[in-house]
Protein backbone atom coordinates (compact mmCIF):
# COMPACT_ATOMS: atom_id res chain seq x y z
CA MET A 1 42.06 -10.71 -3.42
CA ASN A 2 39.59 -13.74 -1.91
CA LEU A 3 36.03 -13.00 -2.35
CA ASN A 4 34.76 -11.96 1.24
CA THR A 5 32.07 -9.14 2.16
CA LEU A 6 35.44 -6.71 1.97
CA THR A 7 36.00 -8.22 -1.44
CA ALA A 8 33.05 -8.35 -3.20
CA ILE A 9 31.90 -6.05 -5.91
CA SER A 10 28.68 -6.06 -5.16
CA PRO A 11 27.15 -4.33 -1.96
CA ALA A 12 24.16 -7.00 -1.43
CA ASP A 13 27.10 -9.63 -1.09
CA GLY A 14 29.69 -7.16 0.59
CA ARG A 15 28.40 -4.67 2.88
CA TYR A 16 24.51 -5.88 3.29
CA ARG A 17 25.62 -9.65 3.35
CA ASP A 18 24.47 -10.42 6.87
CA LYS A 19 21.01 -8.59 6.25
CA ILE A 20 20.38 -11.02 3.26
CA LYS A 21 22.41 -14.52 3.91
CA GLU A 22 19.30 -16.16 3.92
CA LEU A 23 18.59 -15.33 0.25
CA ALA A 24 21.87 -17.50 -0.48
CA PRO A 25 20.05 -20.76 -0.28
CA TYR A 26 18.10 -19.80 -3.30
CA PHE A 27 19.81 -17.66 -5.50
CA SER A 28 23.49 -18.21 -5.18
CA GLU A 29 25.15 -20.35 -7.40
CA PHE A 30 25.15 -23.16 -4.89
CA GLY A 31 21.05 -22.58 -4.40
CA LEU A 32 21.00 -22.41 -8.06
CA ILE A 33 22.95 -26.09 -8.64
CA ARG A 34 21.07 -27.85 -5.52
CA TYR A 35 17.87 -26.96 -7.50
CA ARG A 36 18.87 -28.77 -10.57
CA VAL A 37 20.22 -31.53 -8.31
CA HIS A 38 16.50 -31.37 -7.01
CA ILE A 39 14.48 -31.38 -10.14
CA GLU A 40 16.76 -33.69 -11.96
CA ILE A 41 16.20 -36.49 -8.84
CA GLU A 42 12.69 -36.06 -8.54
CA TYR A 43 12.43 -36.45 -12.51
CA PHE A 44 14.05 -39.66 -12.55
CA ILE A 45 12.10 -40.90 -9.74
CA ALA A 46 8.56 -39.82 -11.44
CA LEU A 47 9.57 -41.61 -14.31
CA CYS A 48 9.95 -45.05 -12.20
CA ARG A 49 6.47 -43.86 -10.90
CA TYR A 50 5.26 -43.87 -14.06
CA ARG A 51 4.60 -46.58 -17.13
CA LEU A 52 8.23 -47.12 -18.01
CA GLU A 53 8.63 -50.79 -18.10
CA GLN A 54 12.42 -50.42 -18.04
CA LEU A 55 12.43 -48.77 -14.57
CA SER A 56 9.77 -51.28 -13.17
CA GLY A 57 12.24 -53.00 -11.53
CA ILE A 58 13.83 -50.08 -8.97
CA ASP A 59 13.13 -50.50 -5.23
CA LYS A 60 11.35 -47.96 -4.35
CA GLU A 61 13.26 -47.57 -0.73
CA VAL A 62 16.27 -46.10 -2.67
CA PHE A 63 13.97 -42.75 -3.42
CA GLU A 64 14.33 -41.46 -0.17
CA LYS A 65 18.41 -42.20 -0.45
CA LEU A 66 18.47 -40.24 -3.85
CA ARG A 67 16.36 -37.41 -2.16
CA ASP A 68 18.79 -37.57 0.58
CA ILE A 69 21.09 -36.46 -2.13
CA TYR A 70 19.80 -32.99 -2.92
CA ARG A 71 18.42 -32.77 1.35
CA ASN A 72 22.22 -33.12 2.17
CA PHE A 73 23.87 -31.53 -0.79
CA SER A 74 27.00 -29.69 0.42
CA GLU A 75 29.28 -26.89 -0.49
CA LYS A 76 31.72 -29.85 -1.32
CA ASP A 77 28.70 -31.30 -4.02
CA ALA A 78 28.42 -27.77 -5.55
CA ALA A 79 32.27 -27.87 -5.96
CA GLU A 80 32.28 -31.35 -7.46
CA ILE A 81 30.14 -30.49 -10.03
CA LYS A 82 31.71 -27.16 -11.07
CA GLU A 83 34.52 -28.94 -11.65
CA ILE A 84 33.04 -30.95 -13.87
CA GLU A 85 31.72 -28.37 -15.62
CA LYS A 86 35.07 -27.06 -16.52
CA THR A 87 35.36 -29.87 -18.96
CA THR A 88 31.51 -30.17 -20.29
CA ASN A 89 31.44 -26.37 -20.43
CA HIS A 90 27.81 -27.07 -19.41
CA ASP A 91 26.45 -25.88 -16.36
CA VAL A 92 23.30 -28.58 -16.46
CA LYS A 93 25.03 -31.56 -17.74
CA ALA A 94 27.86 -31.19 -15.35
CA VAL A 95 24.80 -31.89 -12.85
CA GLU A 96 23.58 -35.05 -15.00
CA TYR A 97 27.31 -36.47 -14.68
CA PHE A 98 27.87 -35.91 -10.98
CA LEU A 99 24.30 -38.24 -10.64
CA LYS A 100 25.50 -40.70 -12.88
CA LYS A 101 28.44 -41.26 -10.99
CA ARG A 102 26.61 -41.61 -7.49
CA PHE A 103 24.15 -44.53 -8.99
CA PRO A 104 26.20 -47.55 -9.09
CA ASP A 105 26.61 -46.27 -5.43
CA LEU A 106 22.81 -46.77 -5.11
CA GLY A 107 22.27 -50.18 -6.88
CA LEU A 108 21.10 -48.27 -10.15
CA LYS A 109 24.20 -48.31 -12.63
CA LYS A 110 22.33 -49.48 -15.33
CA TYR A 111 19.63 -46.90 -14.70
CA ARG A 112 22.08 -44.08 -15.27
CA GLU A 113 20.80 -43.13 -18.75
CA TYR A 114 17.37 -42.21 -17.29
CA ILE A 115 19.08 -39.08 -15.53
CA HIS A 116 18.11 -36.40 -17.79
CA PHE A 117 16.23 -38.53 -20.05
CA GLY A 118 14.74 -36.69 -23.00
CA LEU A 119 15.27 -33.72 -21.34
CA THR A 120 16.52 -30.10 -22.58
CA SER A 121 18.71 -27.79 -20.19
CA GLN A 122 15.83 -25.42 -19.92
CA ASP A 123 13.55 -28.48 -18.35
CA ILE A 124 15.87 -27.91 -15.72
CA ASN A 125 16.39 -24.77 -15.17
CA ASN A 126 13.08 -23.38 -16.06
CA THR A 127 11.61 -25.65 -12.83
CA ALA A 128 14.71 -25.08 -10.53
CA VAL A 129 14.46 -21.19 -10.88
CA PRO A 130 10.89 -21.11 -10.43
CA LEU A 131 10.72 -23.53 -7.54
CA SER A 132 13.71 -21.64 -5.69
CA TYR A 133 11.64 -18.31 -6.26
CA LYS A 134 8.58 -19.68 -4.75
CA ASP A 135 10.38 -21.36 -2.01
CA PHE A 136 12.09 -17.46 -1.22
CA LEU A 137 8.41 -16.14 -1.40
CA SER A 138 7.00 -18.31 0.63
CA GLN A 139 9.92 -18.71 3.47
CA VAL A 140 11.35 -15.26 3.11
CA TYR A 141 9.69 -12.55 1.52
CA PHE A 142 6.05 -13.29 2.76
CA PRO A 143 7.30 -13.41 6.62
CA LEU A 144 9.45 -10.42 6.13
CA ASN A 145 6.33 -8.84 4.29
CA GLN A 146 4.27 -9.65 7.25
CA GLN A 147 6.25 -8.61 9.74
CA LEU A 148 6.84 -5.31 8.63
CA MET A 149 3.35 -4.61 8.21
CA ASP A 150 2.66 -6.20 11.79
CA VAL A 151 4.87 -3.05 12.97
CA LEU A 152 3.12 -0.79 10.78
CA ILE A 153 -0.37 -2.42 12.10
CA ASN A 154 1.12 -2.16 15.71
CA LEU A 155 1.84 1.59 15.30
CA SER A 156 -1.18 2.51 13.87
CA THR A 157 -2.91 1.51 16.51
CA GLU A 158 -0.66 3.21 19.23
CA TRP A 159 -1.09 6.70 17.27
CA GLU A 160 -4.83 6.42 16.40
CA GLY A 161 -6.06 8.81 18.75
CA ILE A 162 -3.20 11.72 17.39
CA PRO A 163 -4.57 14.54 15.75
CA MET A 164 -2.33 15.78 13.34
CA LEU A 165 -2.06 18.57 10.47
CA ALA A 166 -2.49 17.37 7.07
CA HIS A 167 -0.70 18.59 3.94
CA THR A 168 -2.08 18.80 0.48
CA HIS A 169 0.50 20.44 -1.80
CA GLY A 170 2.82 21.02 1.05
CA GLN A 171 0.08 23.44 2.44
CA PRO A 172 -1.85 23.00 6.14
CA ALA A 173 -4.97 21.10 5.00
CA SER A 174 -8.06 19.24 7.11
CA PRO A 175 -6.15 17.65 10.25
CA THR A 176 -5.76 13.90 10.13
CA ARG A 177 -4.92 11.42 12.43
CA MET A 178 -1.06 9.66 12.59
CA GLY A 179 -2.32 5.99 13.34
CA LYS A 180 -4.87 6.58 9.55
CA GLU A 181 -2.14 8.08 7.59
CA ILE A 182 0.01 4.83 8.58
CA ARG A 183 -3.14 2.95 7.48
CA VAL A 184 -3.02 3.83 4.02
CA PHE A 185 -0.05 2.19 3.31
CA ILE A 186 -1.11 -1.29 5.43
CA GLU A 187 -4.26 -1.30 3.11
CA ARG A 188 -2.17 -0.40 0.12
CA MET A 189 0.33 -3.27 0.83
CA GLN A 190 -2.22 -5.82 2.01
CA ALA A 191 -3.76 -5.39 -1.26
CA GLN A 192 -0.93 -5.88 -3.73
CA THR A 193 0.58 -8.63 -1.61
CA ALA A 194 -2.98 -10.54 -1.82
CA LEU A 195 -2.71 -9.95 -5.40
CA LEU A 196 0.75 -11.38 -5.30
CA LYS A 197 -0.11 -14.96 -3.77
CA GLN A 198 -2.57 -15.41 -6.30
CA MET A 199 0.06 -15.05 -9.17
CA PRO A 200 0.78 -18.55 -10.20
CA VAL A 201 4.91 -19.52 -10.32
CA SER A 202 4.72 -21.34 -14.13
CA ALA A 203 7.23 -23.80 -15.44
CA LYS A 204 8.72 -24.70 -18.92
CA PHE A 205 8.94 -28.47 -19.16
CA GLY A 206 8.60 -30.22 -22.64
CA SER A 207 11.87 -31.02 -23.99
CA ALA A 208 14.37 -29.29 -26.75
CA THR A 209 11.62 -26.93 -28.13
CA GLY A 210 8.48 -27.88 -26.12
CA ASN A 211 6.86 -30.65 -28.15
CA PHE A 212 8.29 -33.92 -26.26
CA ASN A 213 10.23 -35.12 -29.33
CA ALA A 214 12.78 -37.07 -27.74
CA HIS A 215 10.42 -38.70 -25.10
CA HIS A 216 7.51 -39.63 -28.17
CA ALA A 217 10.18 -41.36 -30.02
CA ALA A 218 11.40 -43.33 -27.55
CA TYR A 219 7.84 -43.98 -25.84
CA PRO A 220 5.27 -43.28 -28.26
CA ASP A 221 2.27 -44.68 -26.35
CA ILE A 222 2.79 -42.25 -23.43
CA ASP A 223 0.95 -39.08 -22.67
CA TRP A 224 3.94 -37.38 -22.22
CA SER A 225 1.98 -34.15 -21.55
CA GLU A 226 -0.13 -36.01 -18.79
CA PHE A 227 3.09 -37.17 -17.39
CA ALA A 228 4.75 -33.65 -17.21
CA ASN A 229 1.46 -31.76 -15.87
CA ALA A 230 1.78 -34.44 -12.88
CA PHE A 231 5.33 -33.63 -12.57
CA VAL A 232 5.46 -30.18 -12.67
CA ASN A 233 2.07 -29.28 -10.94
CA GLN A 234 1.80 -31.83 -8.14
CA VAL A 235 5.20 -33.09 -7.31
CA LEU A 236 7.24 -29.67 -7.93
CA GLY A 237 4.05 -27.82 -6.98
CA LEU A 238 4.61 -25.31 -9.79
CA GLU A 239 2.03 -24.35 -12.53
CA ARG A 240 3.34 -26.13 -16.15
CA GLN A 241 3.01 -23.80 -19.51
CA GLN A 242 1.25 -26.12 -21.98
CA THR A 243 2.62 -24.96 -25.31
CA THR A 244 6.26 -23.60 -25.10
CA THR A 245 9.36 -22.77 -26.96
CA GLN A 246 12.31 -24.23 -25.41
CA ILE A 247 11.75 -21.79 -22.51
CA GLU A 248 9.05 -20.64 -20.52
CA HIS A 249 7.07 -17.55 -21.15
CA TYR A 250 8.33 -15.75 -18.58
CA ASP A 251 4.69 -13.68 -18.69
CA ASN A 252 3.77 -14.79 -14.72
CA LEU A 253 7.25 -14.13 -13.46
CA ALA A 254 7.34 -10.66 -15.15
CA ALA A 255 3.96 -9.76 -13.44
CA SER A 256 5.20 -11.17 -10.27
CA PHE A 257 8.47 -8.77 -10.42
CA GLN A 258 6.00 -5.67 -11.55
CA ASN A 259 3.79 -7.13 -8.50
CA ILE A 260 7.17 -7.06 -6.30
CA ALA A 261 7.68 -3.63 -7.25
CA ARG A 262 4.74 -2.04 -6.79
CA ILE A 263 4.66 -3.20 -3.27
CA ASN A 264 8.41 -1.51 -3.21
CA THR A 265 7.09 1.71 -5.08
CA ILE A 266 4.19 2.10 -1.64
CA LEU A 267 7.57 1.49 0.40
CA ILE A 268 9.09 4.33 -1.34
CA ASP A 269 6.30 6.72 -0.98
CA PHE A 270 6.18 5.39 2.81
CA CYS A 271 10.02 6.16 3.40
CA ARG A 272 9.43 9.68 1.95
CA ASP A 273 6.18 10.42 3.99
CA VAL A 274 8.18 9.53 7.13
CA TRP A 275 11.30 11.04 6.16
CA THR A 276 9.51 14.48 5.42
CA TYR A 277 7.72 14.23 9.06
CA ILE A 278 10.78 13.68 10.43
CA SER A 279 12.28 16.86 8.64
CA MET A 280 9.02 18.97 10.11
CA GLU A 281 9.95 17.09 13.90
CA TYR A 282 6.70 15.41 14.07
CA PHE A 283 8.76 12.53 15.00
CA LYS A 284 12.46 12.74 16.81
CA GLN A 285 14.57 9.78 16.59
CA LYS A 286 16.32 7.78 19.37
CA ILE A 287 19.86 8.22 19.94
CA LYS A 288 22.37 5.21 19.68
CA GLU A 289 25.38 5.51 21.68
CA GLY A 290 28.58 6.07 20.12
CA GLU A 291 26.58 6.85 16.65
CA VAL A 292 27.19 10.08 14.72
CA GLY A 293 24.83 11.82 11.95
CA SER A 294 27.39 13.92 10.45
CA SER A 295 31.43 13.53 9.93
CA THR A 296 31.21 17.39 11.11
CA MET A 297 27.89 18.31 12.26
CA PRO A 298 27.61 16.98 15.53
CA HIS A 299 24.25 17.85 16.20
CA LYS A 300 22.93 15.84 13.23
CA VAL A 301 20.52 12.67 13.79
CA ASN A 302 19.75 11.93 9.84
CA PRO A 303 16.64 9.75 8.93
CA ILE A 304 19.70 7.20 7.13
CA ASP A 305 17.63 4.03 7.74
CA PHE A 306 14.47 5.16 5.21
CA GLU A 307 17.40 6.90 2.93
CA ASN A 308 18.81 3.54 2.88
CA ALA A 309 15.67 2.02 2.08
CA GLU A 310 14.28 4.36 -0.42
CA GLY A 311 17.59 3.89 -2.41
CA ASN A 312 17.88 -0.01 -2.38
CA LEU A 313 13.84 -0.04 -3.42
CA GLY A 314 14.95 2.22 -6.31
CA VAL A 315 17.51 -0.48 -7.40
CA ALA A 316 15.23 -3.11 -6.99
CA ASN A 317 12.66 -1.64 -9.03
CA ALA A 318 15.27 -0.76 -11.75
CA LEU A 319 16.54 -4.55 -11.93
CA LEU A 320 12.95 -5.73 -11.26
CA GLY A 321 11.52 -3.60 -14.63
CA TYR A 322 14.29 -4.62 -16.94
CA MET A 323 13.39 -8.24 -16.10
CA ALA A 324 10.04 -8.01 -16.72
CA GLU A 325 10.69 -6.19 -19.65
CA LYS A 326 13.34 -8.54 -21.16
CA LEU A 327 12.41 -11.99 -20.09
CA PRO A 328 9.40 -12.33 -22.07
CA VAL A 329 11.34 -11.60 -25.30
CA SER A 330 13.18 -14.49 -27.19
CA ARG A 331 14.38 -14.80 -30.36
CA LEU A 332 12.42 -17.76 -32.27
CA GLN A 333 12.33 -20.86 -30.25
CA ARG A 334 15.06 -19.49 -27.54
CA ASP A 335 18.27 -17.43 -27.36
CA LEU A 336 20.17 -17.35 -24.63
CA THR A 337 19.88 -13.86 -23.09
CA ASP A 338 17.13 -15.23 -20.52
CA SER A 339 20.03 -17.45 -19.02
CA THR A 340 22.21 -14.79 -17.48
CA VAL A 341 19.74 -12.50 -16.81
CA LEU A 342 17.62 -14.83 -14.69
CA ARG A 343 21.09 -15.64 -13.19
CA ASN A 344 20.48 -12.07 -11.51
CA ILE A 345 17.09 -12.08 -10.18
CA GLY A 346 18.47 -12.59 -6.19
CA VAL A 347 19.77 -9.20 -6.91
CA PRO A 348 16.69 -6.90 -6.92
CA LEU A 349 14.99 -9.57 -4.34
CA ALA A 350 18.07 -9.14 -2.08
CA HIS A 351 17.58 -5.30 -2.39
CA THR A 352 14.08 -5.20 -1.44
CA VAL A 353 14.91 -7.35 1.67
CA ILE A 354 17.50 -5.02 2.56
CA ALA A 355 15.28 -2.09 2.20
CA CYS A 356 12.27 -4.00 4.21
CA LYS A 357 15.07 -4.57 6.93
CA SER A 358 16.12 -1.09 7.14
CA ILE A 359 12.55 0.44 7.15
CA MET A 360 11.93 -1.76 10.12
CA LYS A 361 15.19 -0.25 12.21
CA GLY A 362 13.98 3.33 11.17
CA LEU A 363 10.29 2.82 12.44
CA ASP A 364 12.25 1.62 15.88
CA LYS A 365 13.89 4.26 16.57
CA LEU A 366 10.57 6.80 15.67
CA ILE A 367 9.48 9.07 18.96
CA LEU A 368 6.29 10.88 18.15
CA ASN A 369 6.64 14.15 18.90
CA ARG A 370 3.28 15.64 20.55
CA GLU A 371 4.23 18.79 21.04
CA LYS A 372 5.57 19.85 17.56
CA ILE A 373 2.33 18.41 16.40
CA ASN A 374 0.25 19.91 18.35
CA ASN A 375 1.78 23.31 18.18
CA ASP A 376 1.29 23.40 14.33
CA LEU A 377 -2.84 22.35 14.45
CA ASN A 378 -3.12 25.23 17.28
CA ASN A 379 -1.27 27.40 14.67
CA ASN A 380 -3.20 26.46 11.50
CA TRP A 381 -6.74 27.40 12.84
CA SER A 382 -7.76 28.39 9.50
CA VAL A 383 -7.89 24.45 8.80
CA VAL A 384 -11.55 24.50 10.28
CA ALA A 385 -12.74 26.95 8.07
CA GLU A 386 -14.16 23.86 5.70
CA GLY A 387 -16.08 22.84 8.54
CA ILE A 388 -17.63 25.81 9.34
CA GLN A 389 -18.57 26.51 5.71
CA THR A 390 -20.12 23.21 5.45
CA VAL A 391 -22.03 23.66 8.24
CA LEU A 392 -23.35 26.96 7.25
CA ARG A 393 -24.40 25.12 3.65
CA ARG A 394 -26.34 22.53 6.14
CA GLU A 395 -27.89 25.63 7.30
CA ASN A 396 -28.56 27.13 3.99
CA TYR A 397 -26.62 30.30 5.16
CA PRO A 398 -25.61 32.34 2.23
CA ASP A 399 -22.47 32.30 0.39
CA PRO A 400 -20.71 30.19 3.30
CA TYR A 401 -17.79 29.54 1.00
CA GLU A 402 -17.28 32.90 -0.03
CA THR A 403 -17.81 34.25 3.73
CA LEU A 404 -15.04 31.82 4.57
CA LEU A 405 -12.62 32.71 1.73
CA LYS A 406 -12.91 36.13 2.89
CA LEU A 407 -12.18 35.28 6.75
CA THR A 408 -9.00 33.23 5.43
CA ARG A 409 -7.39 35.04 2.26
CA THR A 410 -6.32 38.05 4.18
CA GLY A 411 -2.88 36.92 4.72
CA GLU A 412 -3.64 37.68 8.60
CA LYS A 413 -3.23 35.30 11.16
CA ILE A 414 -6.10 33.43 11.54
CA ASP A 415 -6.07 32.14 15.32
CA LYS A 416 -8.72 30.55 18.23
CA GLU A 417 -9.72 33.95 19.11
CA ARG A 418 -10.27 35.35 15.57
CA ILE A 419 -12.49 32.53 14.69
CA LYS A 420 -14.55 32.84 17.75
CA ALA A 421 -14.92 36.28 16.74
CA PHE A 422 -15.98 35.44 13.43
CA ILE A 423 -18.75 32.77 14.61
CA GLU A 424 -20.02 35.60 17.08
CA SER A 425 -20.47 37.79 13.88
CA LEU A 426 -22.62 35.28 11.92
CA ASP A 427 -26.44 35.38 11.47
CA VAL A 428 -26.96 31.97 13.04
CA SER A 429 -28.85 30.18 16.09
CA ASP A 430 -27.05 30.02 19.54
CA SER A 431 -27.08 26.38 18.95
CA VAL A 432 -25.42 26.24 15.29
CA LYS A 433 -22.91 29.11 16.64
CA THR A 434 -22.15 26.71 20.03
CA GLU A 435 -21.69 23.87 17.19
CA LEU A 436 -19.37 25.55 15.38
CA LYS A 437 -17.08 26.93 18.10
CA ALA A 438 -17.06 23.20 19.31
CA ILE A 439 -15.02 22.60 15.92
CA THR A 440 -11.24 22.90 16.67
CA PRO A 441 -7.85 21.52 14.51
CA PHE A 442 -7.64 18.70 17.29
CA ASN A 443 -11.00 17.45 16.74
CA TYR A 444 -11.71 18.21 13.37
CA THR A 445 -10.47 14.73 11.91
CA GLY A 446 -13.03 12.84 10.63
CA ILE A 447 -14.13 9.36 11.29
């Protein structure tokens, strides 16, 4: 079988490909190769601009032509590198050879040995992957995250004045407002997103075992730490780790994954709440012509978008959790386990993107069912007991909590008339009775 959306093993690249195709430039094999080429070229340019006498004769105008190699990088270029890899059996070395083939055409033949000069493959991988991750965050994740929050903000504003029966422990509780309940999730998402934006995207750049051994042997008078800091921090826009083994620590990457997982957990909580509101008929769902909710029950309109999102968020968090635990652990100066795991970082991020889009699709289908919401409020006048007994406490009424307990724990239905009769029986002033009668399930919603 040829690889396509029907034959792909992963649903991310199969069933859901159209929802996550914008991730391919960052996390596909093509994307990884292109970022490696990017790093190798920028490293060579940085060497040319530093104090290396052997590179001082290079015409600076060639730099933009070099950059065009990764700017215009094509699938054909990637395929050429993969073909080279069949011989080298080393993916980063294949990139080096690919670039060496292009240097003569740019008048740089005698400078070819400064490609990948003094580096180990992890100097390329541990800058290429963080750079692709940083670009994904800024260009895909944060805009999508904000788009979802904007939808929630609009809904919370639209439904701000909608009183609703709250449920604690699954039981009727002091009324709230639909808009406020959505704002709970907005606040949680905003807080965790702000933390994620503060998280450094770190990189390792220090040769075979982190000590610039080869660089120092070739050019002992150069401050290679200073060079590397300028290259990684200023040119690439990452944050260089100062003391490393052959690989980066991955501690900040792990923290970043855990942060995304916390945002995903907030969204799981949100999906379950909306699912429950739909099951309670607080929301109805728009019906799309031609769609069916069940293969056998024609009446069903299932909350599939929120269920889909919850499932994808769970898959994402399982992988993010594993990666956060595994990546910071490596035997001595390095083993290869991080390499194969790191190739999969696009998978949980893809499932996260799928989930966010599913949530927005589901939210677009929601229709507020005011009739059901109001009926539940009207059928639960007992929830105003908290307010009544608190006003009575203010009035120093004897045993107000216990008095309301006797009223509400009889097992009999508490309706408007019974509350009114109870208030009339109280030994309080007429003004207090008027105040208490004004409390209803529809306005007892706090601030």
